[in-house]
Amino acid sequence: MNTTAVRIAKITCLAVYLLGMIDAFAPELLSLPYDAARAACLLLGIHAIELIVFFNRVRWYRGSLGVSMVLTLLFGLLHWKPLQAPDAPDVKANV
């Protein structure tokens, strides 16, 4: 995956969450043509389903399982898709 595209997608996810929080707690500050809080809740719900369905893949993260779960809730497949199985050979070593 292109790392620049992934970074832009992650920033977009964070922007949706930020706009959703502002819309939920201070709606008078934003005048958006859509319900940002609902969009953020929908995105979080989709990522929660991904966490349940792909939990074995989420466990491949080399750090803490809790951190991996939070990253999956925030970014969904942008976090878990690039993870390799612990017993998989290193792809970069074969290049």
Protein backbone atom coordinates (compact mmCIF):
# COMPACT_ATOMS: atom_id res chain seq x y z
CA MET A 1 0.00 0.00 0.00
CA ASN A 2 1.12 3.52 -0.69
CA THR A 3 2.17 5.01 2.66
CA THR A 4 1.15 8.53 1.65
CA ALA A 5 -2.37 7.39 0.79
CA VAL A 6 -2.61 5.48 4.08
CA ARG A 7 -1.50 8.54 6.04
CA ILE A 8 -4.05 10.72 4.28
CA ALA A 9 -6.78 8.14 5.00
CA LYS A 10 -5.78 8.00 8.69
CA ILE A 11 -5.85 11.80 8.93
CA THR A 12 -9.29 11.75 7.30
CA CYS A 13 -10.52 9.25 9.92
CA LEU A 14 -9.23 11.48 12.71
CA ALA A 15 -10.86 14.52 11.09
CA VAL A 16 -14.24 12.73 10.96
CA TYR A 17 -13.93 11.87 14.67
CA LEU A 18 -12.90 15.44 15.56
CA LEU A 19 -15.78 16.97 13.60
CA GLY A 20 -18.13 14.45 15.17
CA MET A 21 -17.03 15.39 18.69
CA ILE A 22 -17.36 19.10 17.96
CA ASP A 23 -20.79 18.55 16.40
CA ALA A 24 -21.92 16.46 19.39
CA PHE A 25 -20.67 18.77 22.15
CA ALA A 26 -20.83 22.22 20.54
CA PRO A 27 -23.09 22.09 17.46
CA GLU A 28 -23.29 25.88 17.29
CA LEU A 29 -19.59 26.01 16.31
CA LEU A 30 -20.11 24.08 13.09
CA SER A 31 -22.49 24.57 10.23
CA LEU A 32 -21.99 21.37 8.28
CA PRO A 33 -24.38 20.08 5.62
CA TYR A 34 -24.43 16.66 7.35
CA ASP A 35 -24.60 15.22 10.83
CA ALA A 36 -20.92 14.82 11.73
CA ALA A 37 -21.66 13.09 15.03
CA ARG A 38 -23.69 10.43 13.22
CA ALA A 39 -20.94 9.94 10.65
CA ALA A 40 -18.35 9.50 13.41
CA CYS A 41 -20.56 6.98 15.25
CA LEU A 42 -21.13 5.06 12.03
CA LEU A 43 -17.39 4.92 11.32
CA LEU A 44 -16.68 3.80 14.89
CA GLY A 45 -19.38 1.12 14.62
CA ILE A 46 -17.94 -0.23 11.39
CA HIS A 47 -14.48 -0.36 12.95
CA ALA A 48 -15.89 -2.14 16.03
CA ILE A 49 -17.34 -4.83 13.76
CA GLU A 50 -13.96 -5.11 12.02
CA LEU A 51 -12.31 -5.56 15.41
CA ILE A 52 -14.59 -8.49 16.22
CA VAL A 53 -14.38 -10.14 12.78
CA PHE A 54 -10.61 -9.72 12.34
CA PHE A 55 -9.56 -10.11 15.99
CA ASN A 56 -7.01 -12.84 15.20
CA ARG A 57 -5.33 -10.50 12.71
CA VAL A 58 -5.45 -7.60 15.20
CA ARG A 59 -3.51 -9.80 17.65
CA TRP A 60 -0.55 -9.90 15.23
CA TYR A 61 0.42 -6.37 16.28
CA ARG A 62 3.85 -6.46 17.94
CA GLY A 63 2.85 -4.02 20.65
CA SER A 64 0.16 -4.24 23.30
CA LEU A 65 -3.14 -5.87 22.40
CA GLY A 66 -4.98 -2.92 23.95
CA VAL A 67 -3.11 -0.47 21.73
CA SER A 68 -3.86 -2.60 18.68
CA MET A 69 -7.55 -2.66 19.57
CA VAL A 70 -7.66 1.14 19.97
CA LEU A 71 -5.82 1.62 16.67
CA THR A 72 -8.30 -0.73 14.98
CA LEU A 73 -11.24 1.23 16.42
CA LEU A 74 -9.70 4.47 15.14
CA PHE A 75 -8.40 3.36 11.74
CA GLY A 76 -9.97 -0.03 10.95
CA LEU A 77 -8.32 -1.94 8.13
CA LEU A 78 -5.73 0.81 7.74
CA HIS A 79 -4.23 -0.58 10.96
CA TRP A 80 -4.75 -4.35 10.77
CA LYS A 81 -4.38 -5.04 7.03
CA PRO A 82 -0.60 -4.36 6.85
CA LEU A 83 0.12 -6.61 9.88
CA GLN A 84 2.02 -9.83 9.23
CA ALA A 85 1.59 -13.09 11.07
CA PRO A 86 4.25 -13.57 13.76
CA ASP A 87 5.52 -16.73 12.05
CA ALA A 88 5.46 -15.24 8.52
CA PRO A 89 8.80 -14.58 6.83
CA ASP A 90 9.85 -10.96 6.58
CA VAL A 91 8.83 -9.73 3.12
CA LYS A 92 11.51 -7.02 3.04
CA ALA A 93 14.26 -9.58 3.74
CA ASN A 94 13.44 -11.42 0.49
CA VAL A 95 13.81 -8.33 -1.71
